[in-house]
Every structure is written in structure tokens, then in C-alpha cells.
Amino acid sequence: RIVTGLGEVQQRHGRDAVAVFGGGGLTNEKAYALGKF
């Protein structure tokens, strides 16, 4: 459901139509991976 939904949204509205919102409690590894992702 996630991957299909992301693909459909970006196909219709462009890459910036998907956003990511993180948290100040995530480990350094997760914060880094989230930014890279």
C-alpha cells in the first residue's frame, strides 16, 4: 500500500508531492537514514 501509494502520488504530482517528517528522539543512525531516504 505504501509503495503503490507513493508511486501514484509522485506520478501524478511530481517528486515533491511526497514528504517525510521525523523526530528529535530518533537515533543518529535513523535521522541520517531518513534524510538520505
Full PDB file with SEQRES, HELIX, SHEET, SSBOND, CRYST1, ORIGX, SCALE, CONECT and MASTER records, all heavy atoms in Angstrom:
SEQRES   1 A   37  ARG ILE VAL THR GLY LEU GLY GLU VAL GLN GLN ARG HIS          
SEQRES   2 A   37  GLY ARG ASP ALA VAL ALA VAL PHE GLY GLY GLY GLY LEU          
SEQRES   3 A   37  THR ASN GLU LYS ALA TYR ALA LEU GLY LYS PHE                  
HELIX    1 AA1 ILE A    2  HIS A   13  1                                  12    
HELIX    2 AA2 ARG A   15  ALA A   17  5                                   3    
HELIX    3 AA3 ASN A   28  LYS A   36  1                                   9    
CRYST1    1.000    1.000    1.000  90.00  90.00  90.00 P 1           1          
ORIGX1      1.000000  0.000000  0.000000        0.00000                         
ORIGX2      0.000000  1.000000  0.000000        0.00000                         
ORIGX3      0.000000  0.000000  1.000000        0.00000                         
SCALE1      1.000000  0.000000  0.000000        0.00000                         
SCALE2      0.000000  1.000000  0.000000        0.00000                         
SCALE3      0.000000  0.000000  1.000000        0.00000                         
ATOM      1  N   ARG A   1       0.832  -1.209   0.000  1.00  0.00           N  
ATOM      2  CA  ARG A   1       0.000   0.000   0.000  1.00  0.00           C  
ATOM      3  C   ARG A   1       0.865   1.256   0.000  1.00  0.00           C  
ATOM      4  O   ARG A   1       0.571   2.237  -0.700  1.00  0.00           O  
ATOM      5  CB  ARG A   1      -0.913  -0.004   1.229  1.00  0.00           C  
ATOM      6  CG  ARG A   1      -1.722   1.279   1.414  1.00  0.00           C  
ATOM      7  CD  ARG A   1      -2.810   1.413   0.374  1.00  0.00           C  
ATOM      8  NE  ARG A   1      -3.575   2.631   0.550  1.00  0.00           N  
ATOM      9  CZ  ARG A   1      -3.293   3.802  -0.032  1.00  0.00           C  
ATOM     10  NH1 ARG A   1      -2.239   3.899  -0.838  1.00  0.00           N  
ATOM     11  NH2 ARG A   1      -4.039   4.858   0.180  1.00  0.00           N  
ATOM     12  N   ILE A   2       1.965   1.234   0.756  1.00  0.00           N  
ATOM     13  CA  ILE A   2       2.847   2.398   0.834  1.00  0.00           C  
ATOM     14  C   ILE A   2       3.529   2.656  -0.501  1.00  0.00           C  
ATOM     15  O   ILE A   2       3.482   3.769  -1.037  1.00  0.00           O  
ATOM     16  CB  ILE A   2       3.901   2.196   1.940  1.00  0.00           C  
ATOM     17  CG1 ILE A   2       3.233   2.184   3.316  1.00  0.00           C  
ATOM     18  CG2 ILE A   2       4.960   3.297   1.886  1.00  0.00           C  
ATOM     19  CD1 ILE A   2       4.146   1.718   4.426  1.00  0.00           C  
ATOM     20  N   VAL A   3       4.146   1.645  -1.039  1.00  0.00           N  
ATOM     21  CA  VAL A   3       4.931   1.828  -2.256  1.00  0.00           C  
ATOM     22  C   VAL A   3       4.024   2.164  -3.441  1.00  0.00           C  
ATOM     23  O   VAL A   3       4.345   3.036  -4.258  1.00  0.00           O  
ATOM     24  CB  VAL A   3       5.780   0.565  -2.536  1.00  0.00           C  
ATOM     25  CG1 VAL A   3       6.501   0.696  -3.861  1.00  0.00           C  
ATOM     26  CG2 VAL A   3       6.788   0.372  -1.401  1.00  0.00           C  
ATOM     27  N   THR A   4       2.890   1.501  -3.527  1.00  0.00           N  
ATOM     28  CA  THR A   4       1.937   1.824  -4.591  1.00  0.00           C  
ATOM     29  C   THR A   4       1.446   3.259  -4.454  1.00  0.00           C  
ATOM     30  O   THR A   4       1.385   4.013  -5.428  1.00  0.00           O  
ATOM     31  CB  THR A   4       0.746   0.857  -4.561  1.00  0.00           C  
ATOM     32  OG1 THR A   4       1.213  -0.478  -4.749  1.00  0.00           O  
ATOM     33  CG2 THR A   4      -0.260   1.198  -5.644  1.00  0.00           C  
ATOM     34  N   GLY A   5       1.111   3.640  -3.227  1.00  0.00           N  
ATOM     35  CA  GLY A   5       0.621   4.995  -2.996  1.00  0.00           C  
ATOM     36  C   GLY A   5       1.654   6.058  -3.287  1.00  0.00           C  
ATOM     37  O   GLY A   5       1.349   7.098  -3.893  1.00  0.00           O  
ATOM     38  N   LEU A   6       2.902   5.840  -2.874  1.00  0.00           N  
ATOM     39  CA  LEU A   6       3.965   6.800  -3.154  1.00  0.00           C  
ATOM     40  C   LEU A   6       4.169   6.951  -4.659  1.00  0.00           C  
ATOM     41  O   LEU A   6       4.331   8.069  -5.175  1.00  0.00           O  
ATOM     42  CB  LEU A   6       5.270   6.357  -2.495  1.00  0.00           C  
ATOM     43  CG  LEU A   6       5.307   6.349  -0.962  1.00  0.00           C  
ATOM     44  CD1 LEU A   6       6.644   5.803  -0.472  1.00  0.00           C  
ATOM     45  CD2 LEU A   6       5.071   7.737  -0.398  1.00  0.00           C  
ATOM     46  N   GLY A   7       4.164   5.823  -5.354  1.00  0.00           N  
ATOM     47  CA  GLY A   7       4.353   5.873  -6.800  1.00  0.00           C  
ATOM     48  C   GLY A   7       3.246   6.634  -7.502  1.00  0.00           C  
ATOM     49  O   GLY A   7       3.494   7.449  -8.403  1.00  0.00           O  
ATOM     50  N   GLU A   8       2.005   6.379  -7.088  1.00  0.00           N  
ATOM     51  CA  GLU A   8       0.879   7.067  -7.719  1.00  0.00           C  
ATOM     52  C   GLU A   8       0.921   8.565  -7.451  1.00  0.00           C  
ATOM     53  O   GLU A   8       0.673   9.384  -8.354  1.00  0.00           O  
ATOM     54  CB  GLU A   8      -0.432   6.475  -7.198  1.00  0.00           C  
ATOM     55  CG  GLU A   8      -0.691   5.049  -7.666  1.00  0.00           C  
ATOM     56  CD  GLU A   8      -1.931   4.448  -7.028  1.00  0.00           C  
ATOM     57  OE1 GLU A   8      -2.476   5.077  -6.085  1.00  0.00           O  
ATOM     58  OE2 GLU A   8      -2.353   3.356  -7.459  1.00  0.00           O  
ATOM     59  N   VAL A   9       1.238   8.953  -6.228  1.00  0.00           N  
ATOM     60  CA  VAL A   9       1.287  10.381  -5.885  1.00  0.00           C  
ATOM     61  C   VAL A   9       2.383  11.084  -6.670  1.00  0.00           C  
ATOM     62  O   VAL A   9       2.167  12.166  -7.244  1.00  0.00           O  
ATOM     63  CB  VAL A   9       1.494  10.554  -4.365  1.00  0.00           C  
ATOM     64  CG1 VAL A   9       1.903  11.987  -4.037  1.00  0.00           C  
ATOM     65  CG2 VAL A   9       0.226  10.195  -3.615  1.00  0.00           C  
ATOM     66  N   GLN A  10       3.567  10.494  -6.725  1.00  0.00           N  
ATOM     67  CA  GLN A  10       4.659  11.159  -7.437  1.00  0.00           C  
ATOM     68  C   GLN A  10       4.435  11.159  -8.946  1.00  0.00           C  
ATOM     69  O   GLN A  10       4.837  12.097  -9.627  1.00  0.00           O  
ATOM     70  CB  GLN A  10       5.996  10.507  -7.077  1.00  0.00           C  
ATOM     71  CG  GLN A  10       6.427  10.820  -5.645  1.00  0.00           C  
ATOM     72  CD  GLN A  10       7.870  10.457  -5.363  1.00  0.00           C  
ATOM     73  OE1 GLN A  10       8.334   9.393  -5.762  1.00  0.00           O  
ATOM     74  NE2 GLN A  10       8.575  11.336  -4.668  1.00  0.00           N  
ATOM     75  N   GLN A  11       3.785  10.146  -9.454  1.00  0.00           N  
ATOM     76  CA  GLN A  11       3.498  10.128 -10.890  1.00  0.00           C  
ATOM     77  C   GLN A  11       2.514  11.230 -11.262  1.00  0.00           C  
ATOM     78  O   GLN A  11       2.654  11.891 -12.303  1.00  0.00           O  
ATOM     79  CB  GLN A  11       2.942   8.759 -11.293  1.00  0.00           C  
ATOM     80  CG  GLN A  11       2.722   8.620 -12.805  1.00  0.00           C  
ATOM     81  CD  GLN A  11       2.281   7.217 -13.188  1.00  0.00           C  
ATOM     82  OE1 GLN A  11       1.903   6.425 -12.335  1.00  0.00           O  
ATOM     83  NE2 GLN A  11       2.348   6.909 -14.469  1.00  0.00           N  
ATOM     84  N   ARG A  12       1.530  11.476 -10.396  1.00  0.00           N  
ATOM     85  CA  ARG A  12       0.514  12.488 -10.696  1.00  0.00           C  
ATOM     86  C   ARG A  12       0.986  13.908 -10.379  1.00  0.00           C  
ATOM     87  O   ARG A  12       0.658  14.847 -11.098  1.00  0.00           O  
ATOM     88  CB  ARG A  12      -0.765  12.211  -9.897  1.00  0.00           C  
ATOM     89  CG  ARG A  12      -1.544  11.001 -10.353  1.00  0.00           C  
ATOM     90  CD  ARG A  12      -2.975  11.045  -9.814  1.00  0.00           C  
ATOM     91  NE  ARG A  12      -3.011  11.208  -8.356  1.00  0.00           N  
ATOM     92  CZ  ARG A  12      -3.082  10.196  -7.501  1.00  0.00           C  
ATOM     93  NH1 ARG A  12      -3.094   8.951  -7.958  1.00  0.00           N  
ATOM     94  NH2 ARG A  12      -3.138  10.418  -6.204  1.00  0.00           N  
ATOM     95  N   HIS A  13       1.768  14.059  -9.294  1.00  0.00           N  
ATOM     96  CA  HIS A  13       2.036  15.400  -8.780  1.00  0.00           C  
ATOM     97  C   HIS A  13       3.517  15.765  -8.720  1.00  0.00           C  
ATOM     98  O   HIS A  13       3.840  16.900  -8.363  1.00  0.00           O  
ATOM     99  CB  HIS A  13       1.435  15.547  -7.376  1.00  0.00           C  
ATOM    100  CG  HIS A  13      -0.041  15.264  -7.307  1.00  0.00           C  
ATOM    101  ND1 HIS A  13      -0.983  16.129  -7.805  1.00  0.00           N  
ATOM    102  CD2 HIS A  13      -0.724  14.200  -6.809  1.00  0.00           C  
ATOM    103  CE1 HIS A  13      -2.201  15.631  -7.602  1.00  0.00           C  
ATOM    104  NE2 HIS A  13      -2.067  14.454  -6.999  1.00  0.00           N  
ATOM    105  N   GLY A  14       4.409  14.851  -9.051  1.00  0.00           N  
ATOM    106  CA  GLY A  14       5.831  15.153  -9.006  1.00  0.00           C  
ATOM    107  C   GLY A  14       6.496  14.653  -7.741  1.00  0.00           C  
ATOM    108  O   GLY A  14       5.847  14.269  -6.774  1.00  0.00           O  
ATOM    109  N   ARG A  15       7.830  14.666  -7.749  1.00  0.00           N  
ATOM    110  CA  ARG A  15       8.596  14.092  -6.633  1.00  0.00           C  
ATOM    111  C   ARG A  15       8.305  14.783  -5.306  1.00  0.00           C  
ATOM    112  O   ARG A  15       8.237  14.148  -4.259  1.00  0.00           O  
ATOM    113  CB  ARG A  15      10.089  14.174  -6.932  1.00  0.00           C  
ATOM    114  CG  ARG A  15      10.540  13.306  -8.094  1.00  0.00           C  
ATOM    115  CD  ARG A  15      12.019  13.517  -8.343  1.00  0.00           C  
ATOM    116  NE  ARG A  15      12.435  12.842  -9.563  1.00  0.00           N  
ATOM    117  CZ  ARG A  15      13.314  13.332 -10.421  1.00  0.00           C  
ATOM    118  NH1 ARG A  15      13.866  14.511 -10.187  1.00  0.00           N  
ATOM    119  NH2 ARG A  15      13.650  12.661 -11.497  1.00  0.00           N  
ATOM    120  N   ASP A  16       8.156  16.128  -5.324  1.00  0.00           N  
ATOM    121  CA  ASP A  16       7.967  16.856  -4.077  1.00  0.00           C  
ATOM    122  C   ASP A  16       6.569  16.700  -3.507  1.00  0.00           C  
ATOM    123  O   ASP A  16       6.254  17.302  -2.471  1.00  0.00           O  
ATOM    124  CB  ASP A  16       8.265  18.341  -4.291  1.00  0.00           C  
ATOM    125  CG  ASP A  16       9.750  18.606  -4.517  1.00  0.00           C  
ATOM    126  OD1 ASP A  16      10.562  17.754  -4.103  1.00  0.00           O  
ATOM    127  OD2 ASP A  16      10.089  19.654  -5.098  1.00  0.00           O  
ATOM    128  N   ALA A  17       5.734  15.903  -4.152  1.00  0.00           N  
ATOM    129  CA  ALA A  17       4.402  15.627  -3.612  1.00  0.00           C  
ATOM    130  C   ALA A  17       4.449  14.627  -2.463  1.00  0.00           C  
ATOM    131  O   ALA A  17       3.433  14.372  -1.816  1.00  0.00           O  
ATOM    132  CB  ALA A  17       3.477  15.109  -4.709  1.00  0.00           C  
ATOM    133  N   VAL A  18       5.629  14.056  -2.197  1.00  0.00           N  
ATOM    134  CA  VAL A  18       5.831  13.172  -1.048  1.00  0.00           C  
ATOM    135  C   VAL A  18       6.722  13.887  -0.042  1.00  0.00           C  
ATOM    136  O   VAL A  18       7.720  14.520  -0.417  1.00  0.00           O  
ATOM    137  CB  VAL A  18       6.471  11.837  -1.474  1.00  0.00           C  
ATOM    138  CG1 VAL A  18       6.839  11.001  -0.257  1.00  0.00           C  
ATOM    139  CG2 VAL A  18       5.517  11.060  -2.373  1.00  0.00           C  
ATOM    140  N   ALA A  19       6.383  13.802   1.231  1.00  0.00           N  
ATOM    141  CA  ALA A  19       7.156  14.454   2.289  1.00  0.00           C  
ATOM    142  C   ALA A  19       7.457  13.458   3.399  1.00  0.00           C  
ATOM    143  O   ALA A  19       6.778  12.436   3.550  1.00  0.00           O  
ATOM    144  CB  ALA A  19       6.389  15.652   2.849  1.00  0.00           C  
ATOM    145  N   VAL A  20       8.494  13.792   4.174  1.00  0.00           N  
ATOM    146  CA  VAL A  20       8.912  12.968   5.311  1.00  0.00           C  
ATOM    147  C   VAL A  20       9.008  13.876   6.532  1.00  0.00           C  
ATOM    148  O   VAL A  20       9.536  14.983   6.451  1.00  0.00           O  
ATOM    149  CB  VAL A  20      10.276  12.300   5.040  1.00  0.00           C  
ATOM    150  CG1 VAL A  20      10.734  11.498   6.259  1.00  0.00           C  
ATOM    151  CG2 VAL A  20      10.201  11.406   3.808  1.00  0.00           C  
ATOM    152  N   PHE A  21       8.483  13.405   7.662  1.00  0.00           N  
ATOM    153  CA  PHE A  21       8.530  14.177   8.909  1.00  0.00           C  
ATOM    154  C   PHE A  21       9.118  13.299   9.998  1.00  0.00           C  
ATOM    155  O   PHE A  21       8.588  12.230  10.305  1.00  0.00           O  
ATOM    156  CB  PHE A  21       7.129  14.643   9.299  1.00  0.00           C  
ATOM    157  CG  PHE A  21       7.122  15.774  10.294  1.00  0.00           C  
ATOM    158  CD1 PHE A  21       7.412  17.064   9.888  1.00  0.00           C  
ATOM    159  CD2 PHE A  21       6.836  15.550  11.631  1.00  0.00           C  
ATOM    160  CE1 PHE A  21       7.407  18.127  10.797  1.00  0.00           C  
ATOM    161  CE2 PHE A  21       6.828  16.592  12.548  1.00  0.00           C  
ATOM    162  CZ  PHE A  21       7.113  17.891  12.131  1.00  0.00           C  
ATOM    163  N   GLY A  22      10.252  13.725  10.544  1.00  0.00           N  
ATOM    164  CA  GLY A  22      10.974  12.925  11.528  1.00  0.00           C  
ATOM    165  C   GLY A  22      10.824  13.455  12.937  1.00  0.00           C  
ATOM    166  O   GLY A  22       9.964  14.285  13.239  1.00  0.00           O  
ATOM    167  N   GLY A  23      11.715  12.984  13.822  1.00  0.00           N  
ATOM    168  CA  GLY A  23      11.602  13.334  15.234  1.00  0.00           C  
ATOM    169  C   GLY A  23      12.940  13.501  15.916  1.00  0.00           C  
ATOM    170  O   GLY A  23      13.938  12.881  15.534  1.00  0.00           O  
ATOM    171  N   GLY A  24      12.962  14.325  16.945  1.00  0.00           N  
ATOM    172  CA  GLY A  24      14.169  14.575  17.721  1.00  0.00           C  
ATOM    173  C   GLY A  24      14.520  13.476  18.696  1.00  0.00           C  
ATOM    174  O   GLY A  24      15.509  13.578  19.416  1.00  0.00           O  
ATOM    175  N   GLY A  25      13.719  12.410  18.733  1.00  0.00           N  
ATOM    176  CA  GLY A  25      14.047  11.268  19.571  1.00  0.00           C  
ATOM    177  C   GLY A  25      14.662  10.121  18.795  1.00  0.00           C  
ATOM    178  O   GLY A  25      15.072   9.116  19.390  1.00  0.00           O  
ATOM    179  N   LEU A  26      14.727  10.237  17.465  1.00  0.00           N  
ATOM    180  CA  LEU A  26      15.321   9.180  16.657  1.00  0.00           C  
ATOM    181  C   LEU A  26      16.832   9.138  16.857  1.00  0.00           C  
ATOM    182  O   LEU A  26      17.473  10.168  17.064  1.00  0.00           O  
ATOM    183  CB  LEU A  26      15.015   9.419  15.176  1.00  0.00           C  
ATOM    184  CG  LEU A  26      13.543   9.483  14.764  1.00  0.00           C  
ATOM    185  CD1 LEU A  26      13.423   9.745  13.267  1.00  0.00           C  
ATOM    186  CD2 LEU A  26      12.803   8.203  15.147  1.00  0.00           C  
ATOM    187  N   THR A  27      17.415   7.949  16.767  1.00  0.00           N  
ATOM    188  CA  THR A  27      18.871   7.830  16.894  1.00  0.00           C  
ATOM    189  C   THR A  27      19.561   8.557  15.743  1.00  0.00           C  
ATOM    190  O   THR A  27      18.942   8.885  14.723  1.00  0.00           O  
ATOM    191  CB  THR A  27      19.298   6.355  16.867  1.00  0.00           C  
ATOM    192  OG1 THR A  27      18.947   5.797  15.591  1.00  0.00           O  
ATOM    193  CG2 THR A  27      18.654   5.570  17.992  1.00  0.00           C  
ATOM    194  N   ASN A  28      20.856   8.798  15.896  1.00  0.00           N  
ATOM    195  CA  ASN A  28      21.627   9.411  14.815  1.00  0.00           C  
ATOM    196  C   ASN A  28      21.533   8.587  13.539  1.00  0.00           C  
ATOM    197  O   ASN A  28      21.433   9.142  12.438  1.00  0.00           O  
ATOM    198  CB  ASN A  28      23.092   9.546  15.232  1.00  0.00           C  
ATOM    199  CG  ASN A  28      23.296  10.595  16.296  1.00  0.00           C  
ATOM    200  OD1 ASN A  28      22.687  11.652  16.269  1.00  0.00           O  
ATOM    201  ND2 ASN A  28      24.159  10.292  17.269  1.00  0.00           N  
ATOM    202  N   GLU A  29      21.578   7.278  13.690  1.00  0.00           N  
ATOM    203  CA  GLU A  29      21.527   6.405  12.519  1.00  0.00           C  
ATOM    204  C   GLU A  29      20.195   6.562  11.782  1.00  0.00           C  
ATOM    205  O   GLU A  29      20.146   6.615  10.548  1.00  0.00           O  
ATOM    206  CB  GLU A  29      21.731   4.944  12.938  1.00  0.00           C  
ATOM    207  CG  GLU A  29      23.125   4.614  13.448  1.00  0.00           C  
ATOM    208  CD  GLU A  29      23.371   5.064  14.888  1.00  0.00           C  
ATOM    209  OE1 GLU A  29      22.409   5.511  15.568  1.00  0.00           O  
ATOM    210  OE2 GLU A  29      24.515   4.962  15.350  1.00  0.00           O  
ATOM    211  N   LYS A  30      19.107   6.639  12.538  1.00  0.00           N  
ATOM    212  CA  LYS A  30      17.795   6.770  11.904  1.00  0.00           C  
ATOM    213  C   LYS A  30      17.603   8.160  11.306  1.00  0.00           C  
ATOM    214  O   LYS A  30      17.021   8.301  10.221  1.00  0.00           O  
ATOM    215  CB  LYS A  30      16.702   6.436  12.912  1.00  0.00           C  
ATOM    216  CG  LYS A  30      16.687   4.959  13.280  1.00  0.00           C  
ATOM    217  CD  LYS A  30      15.453   4.556  14.046  1.00  0.00           C  
ATOM    218  CE  LYS A  30      15.465   4.979  15.476  1.00  0.00           C  
ATOM    219  NZ  LYS A  30      14.357   4.396  16.258  1.00  0.00           N  
ATOM    220  N   ALA A  31      18.073   9.194  11.999  1.00  0.00           N  
ATOM    221  CA  ALA A  31      17.969  10.552  11.453  1.00  0.00           C  
ATOM    222  C   ALA A  31      18.748  10.659  10.142  1.00  0.00           C  
ATOM    223  O   ALA A  31      18.277  11.251   9.167  1.00  0.00           O  
ATOM    224  CB  ALA A  31      18.492  11.562  12.472  1.00  0.00           C  
ATOM    225  N   TYR A  32      19.948  10.088  10.129  1.00  0.00           N  
ATOM    226  CA  TYR A  32      20.770  10.092   8.912  1.00  0.00           C  
ATOM    227  C   TYR A  32      20.079   9.322   7.789  1.00  0.00           C  
ATOM    228  O   TYR A  32      19.977   9.796   6.650  1.00  0.00           O  
ATOM    229  CB  TYR A  32      22.130   9.468   9.224  1.00  0.00           C  
ATOM    230  CG  TYR A  32      22.989   9.206   8.001  1.00  0.00           C  
ATOM    231  CD1 TYR A  32      23.744  10.232   7.441  1.00  0.00           C  
ATOM    232  CD2 TYR A  32      23.040   7.942   7.419  1.00  0.00           C  
ATOM    233  CE1 TYR A  32      24.533   9.994   6.313  1.00  0.00           C  
ATOM    234  CE2 TYR A  32      23.818   7.700   6.304  1.00  0.00           C  
ATOM    235  CZ  TYR A  32      24.564   8.727   5.755  1.00  0.00           C  
ATOM    236  OH  TYR A  32      25.338   8.497   4.641  1.00  0.00           O  
ATOM    237  N   ALA A  33      19.593   8.123   8.106  1.00  0.00           N  
ATOM    238  CA  ALA A  33      18.950   7.295   7.085  1.00  0.00           C  
ATOM    239  C   ALA A  33      17.684   7.948   6.554  1.00  0.00           C  
ATOM    240  O   ALA A  33      17.378   7.860   5.361  1.00  0.00           O  
ATOM    241  CB  ALA A  33      18.623   5.915   7.660  1.00  0.00           C  
ATOM    242  N   LEU A  34      16.940   8.630   7.428  1.00  0.00           N  
ATOM    243  CA  LEU A  34      15.711   9.278   6.995  1.00  0.00           C  
ATOM    244  C   LEU A  34      16.009  10.407   6.004  1.00  0.00           C  
ATOM    245  O   LEU A  34      15.320  10.552   4.988  1.00  0.00           O  
ATOM    246  CB  LEU A  34      14.972   9.819   8.215  1.00  0.00           C  
ATOM    247  CG  LEU A  34      13.450   9.938   8.122  1.00  0.00           C  
ATOM    248  CD1 LEU A  34      12.824   8.583   7.863  1.00  0.00           C  
ATOM    249  CD2 LEU A  34      12.901  10.543   9.403  1.00  0.00           C  
ATOM    250  N   GLY A  35      17.052  11.203   6.310  1.00  0.00           N  
ATOM    251  CA  GLY A  35      17.428  12.263   5.386  1.00  0.00           C  
ATOM    252  C   GLY A  35      17.894  11.732   4.048  1.00  0.00           C  
ATOM    253  O   GLY A  35      17.549  12.270   2.989  1.00  0.00           O  
ATOM    254  N   LYS A  36      18.675  10.671   4.086  1.00  0.00           N  
ATOM    255  CA  LYS A  36      19.148  10.073   2.837  1.00  0.00           C  
ATOM    256  C   LYS A  36      17.990   9.432   2.068  1.00  0.00           C  
ATOM    257  O   LYS A  36      17.891   9.560   0.839  1.00  0.00           O  
ATOM    258  CB  LYS A  36      20.226   9.032   3.135  1.00  0.00           C  
ATOM    259  CG  LYS A  36      20.827   8.401   1.875  1.00  0.00           C  
ATOM    260  CD  LYS A  36      21.917   7.395   2.228  1.00  0.00           C  
ATOM    261  CE  LYS A  36      22.486   6.750   0.962  1.00  0.00           C  
ATOM    262  NZ  LYS A  36      23.470   5.696   1.273  1.00  0.00           N  
ATOM    263  N   PHE A  37      17.109   8.771   2.784  1.00  0.00           N  
ATOM    264  CA  PHE A  37      15.949   8.134   2.153  1.00  0.00           C  
ATOM    265  C   PHE A  37      15.097   9.165   1.414  1.00  0.00           C  
ATOM    266  O   PHE A  37      14.682   8.947   0.271  1.00  0.00           O  
ATOM    267  CB  PHE A  37      15.124   7.433   3.228  1.00  0.00           C  
ATOM    268  CG  PHE A  37      13.852   6.813   2.735  1.00  0.00           C  
ATOM    269  CD1 PHE A  37      13.855   5.578   2.115  1.00  0.00           C  
ATOM    270  CD2 PHE A  37      12.644   7.473   2.914  1.00  0.00           C  
ATOM    271  CE1 PHE A  37      12.677   5.004   1.660  1.00  0.00           C  
ATOM    272  CE2 PHE A  37      11.458   6.905   2.461  1.00  0.00           C  
ATOM    273  CZ  PHE A  37      11.471   5.671   1.832  1.00  0.00           C  
TER     274      PHE A  37                                                      
MASTER        0    0    0    3    0    0    0    6  273    1    0    3          
END                                                                             
